[in-house]
Amino acid sequence: MFAHTVTVAADLMSNGTLKSMLDLLKQAVILAGGALMVFGGITVGSNLKDHNGPAITGGLLELAGGALIAACGVFFTQLAS
């Protein structure tokens, strides 16, 4: 069973399918992190006007989470190449 899995993985790596799948995954993770950062920034900006403390905190956490996700995508890019 394990030998078959290794053979399948080697076949995927040899024809470039795995590399193209990893490239697509890296781009999707970075894009998702960027989108989360944008929505976090919008949340912070719209709630600063209203002086809504809990919503500002949520927006800042969303912004930080998006930055962390995007950073993981960039790290994954460095790791896979």
C-alpha atoms as a PDB file:
ATOM      1  CA  MET A   1       0.000   0.000   0.000  1.00  0.00           C
ATOM      2  CA  PHE A   2       2.755   2.452   0.961  1.00  0.00           C
ATOM      3  CA  ALA A   3       4.862   1.557  -2.093  1.00  0.00           C
ATOM      4  CA  HIS A   4       1.858   2.228  -4.326  1.00  0.00           C
ATOM      5  CA  THR A   5       1.350   5.642  -2.693  1.00  0.00           C
ATOM      6  CA  VAL A   6       5.002   6.535  -3.215  1.00  0.00           C
ATOM      7  CA  THR A   7       4.771   5.450  -6.865  1.00  0.00           C
ATOM      8  CA  VAL A   8       1.659   7.577  -7.444  1.00  0.00           C
ATOM      9  CA  ALA A   9       3.305  10.593  -5.783  1.00  0.00           C
ATOM     10  CA  ALA A  10       6.415  10.131  -7.917  1.00  0.00           C
ATOM     11  CA  ASP A  11       4.265   9.983 -11.059  1.00  0.00           C
ATOM     12  CA  LEU A  12       2.464  13.185 -10.068  1.00  0.00           C
ATOM     13  CA  MET A  13       5.746  14.981  -9.438  1.00  0.00           C
ATOM     14  CA  SER A  14       7.304  13.814 -12.685  1.00  0.00           C
ATOM     15  CA  ASN A  15       4.590  15.156 -14.984  1.00  0.00           C
ATOM     16  CA  GLY A  16       4.175  18.488 -13.215  1.00  0.00           C
ATOM     17  CA  THR A  17       0.632  17.935 -11.961  1.00  0.00           C
ATOM     18  CA  LEU A  18       1.608  18.205  -8.324  1.00  0.00           C
ATOM     19  CA  LYS A  19       3.679  21.329  -8.974  1.00  0.00           C
ATOM     20  CA  SER A  20       0.792  23.022 -10.766  1.00  0.00           C
ATOM     21  CA  MET A  21      -1.596  22.041  -7.963  1.00  0.00           C
ATOM     22  CA  LEU A  22       0.781  23.478  -5.352  1.00  0.00           C
ATOM     23  CA  ASP A  23       1.166  26.694  -7.358  1.00  0.00           C
ATOM     24  CA  LEU A  24      -2.618  27.056  -7.517  1.00  0.00           C
ATOM     25  CA  LEU A  25      -2.912  26.403  -3.780  1.00  0.00           C
ATOM     26  CA  LYS A  26      -0.240  29.000  -2.985  1.00  0.00           C
ATOM     27  CA  GLN A  27      -2.001  31.635  -5.062  1.00  0.00           C
ATOM     28  CA  ALA A  28      -5.367  30.813  -3.479  1.00  0.00           C
ATOM     29  CA  VAL A  29      -3.995  31.103   0.073  1.00  0.00           C
ATOM     30  CA  ILE A  30      -2.322  34.437  -0.637  1.00  0.00           C
ATOM     31  CA  LEU A  31      -5.480  35.737  -2.331  1.00  0.00           C
ATOM     32  CA  ALA A  32      -7.677  34.608   0.569  1.00  0.00           C
ATOM     33  CA  GLY A  33      -5.383  36.307   3.077  1.00  0.00           C
ATOM     34  CA  GLY A  34      -5.429  39.512   1.044  1.00  0.00           C
ATOM     35  CA  ALA A  35      -9.210  39.467   0.804  1.00  0.00           C
ATOM     36  CA  LEU A  36      -9.520  38.949   4.563  1.00  0.00           C
ATOM     37  CA  MET A  37      -7.162  41.879   5.156  1.00  0.00           C
ATOM     38  CA  VAL A  38      -9.285  44.098   2.897  1.00  0.00           C
ATOM     39  CA  PHE A  39     -12.497  43.170   4.705  1.00  0.00           C
ATOM     40  CA  GLY A  40     -10.803  43.686   8.078  1.00  0.00           C
ATOM     41  CA  GLY A  41      -9.661  47.138   6.986  1.00  0.00           C
ATOM     42  CA  ILE A  42     -13.164  48.014   5.830  1.00  0.00           C
ATOM     43  CA  THR A  43     -14.578  46.836   9.159  1.00  0.00           C
ATOM     44  CA  VAL A  44     -12.090  48.917  11.128  1.00  0.00           C
ATOM     45  CA  GLY A  45     -12.644  51.998   8.985  1.00  0.00           C
ATOM     46  CA  SER A  46     -16.419  51.870   9.116  1.00  0.00           C
ATOM     47  CA  ASN A  47     -16.489  51.342  12.881  1.00  0.00           C
ATOM     48  CA  LEU A  48     -13.920  54.008  13.749  1.00  0.00           C
ATOM     49  CA  LYS A  49     -16.469  56.562  12.616  1.00  0.00           C
ATOM     50  CA  ASP A  50     -19.080  55.196  15.049  1.00  0.00           C
ATOM     51  CA  HIS A  51     -16.603  54.702  17.935  1.00  0.00           C
ATOM     52  CA  ASN A  52     -17.716  51.076  18.187  1.00  0.00           C
ATOM     53  CA  GLY A  53     -14.931  49.492  20.254  1.00  0.00           C
ATOM     54  CA  PRO A  54     -15.834  45.785  20.011  1.00  0.00           C
ATOM     55  CA  ALA A  55     -16.301  45.979  16.246  1.00  0.00           C
ATOM     56  CA  ILE A  56     -12.983  47.809  15.859  1.00  0.00           C
ATOM     57  CA  THR A  57     -11.312  45.015  17.817  1.00  0.00           C
ATOM     58  CA  GLY A  58     -12.955  42.408  15.591  1.00  0.00           C
ATOM     59  CA  GLY A  59     -11.823  44.249  12.482  1.00  0.00           C
ATOM     60  CA  LEU A  60      -8.252  44.489  13.754  1.00  0.00           C
ATOM     61  CA  LEU A  61      -8.239  40.785  14.546  1.00  0.00           C
ATOM     62  CA  GLU A  62      -9.612  40.051  11.077  1.00  0.00           C
ATOM     63  CA  LEU A  63      -6.897  42.239   9.561  1.00  0.00           C
ATOM     64  CA  ALA A  64      -4.203  40.450  11.570  1.00  0.00           C
ATOM     65  CA  GLY A  65      -5.632  37.051  10.652  1.00  0.00           C
ATOM     66  CA  GLY A  66      -5.577  37.935   6.969  1.00  0.00           C
ATOM     67  CA  ALA A  67      -1.959  39.059   7.260  1.00  0.00           C
ATOM     68  CA  LEU A  68      -1.077  35.785   8.970  1.00  0.00           C
ATOM     69  CA  ILE A  69      -2.800  33.732   6.270  1.00  0.00           C
ATOM     70  CA  ALA A  70      -1.069  35.684   3.496  1.00  0.00           C
ATOM     71  CA  ALA A  71       2.276  35.266   5.281  1.00  0.00           C
ATOM     72  CA  CYS A  72       1.686  31.516   5.470  1.00  0.00           C
ATOM     73  CA  GLY A  73       1.020  31.489   1.737  1.00  0.00           C
ATOM     74  CA  VAL A  74       4.275  33.328   1.073  1.00  0.00           C
ATOM     75  CA  PHE A  75       6.128  30.971   3.418  1.00  0.00           C
ATOM     76  CA  PHE A  76       4.582  28.014   1.611  1.00  0.00           C
ATOM     77  CA  THR A  77       5.834  29.495  -1.661  1.00  0.00           C
ATOM     78  CA  GLN A  78       9.380  29.567  -0.292  1.00  0.00           C
ATOM     79  CA  LEU A  79       9.048  26.099   1.186  1.00  0.00           C
ATOM     80  CA  ALA A  80       7.731  24.386  -1.958  1.00  0.00           C
ATOM     81  CA  SER A  81      10.255  25.867  -4.398  1.00  0.00           C
END
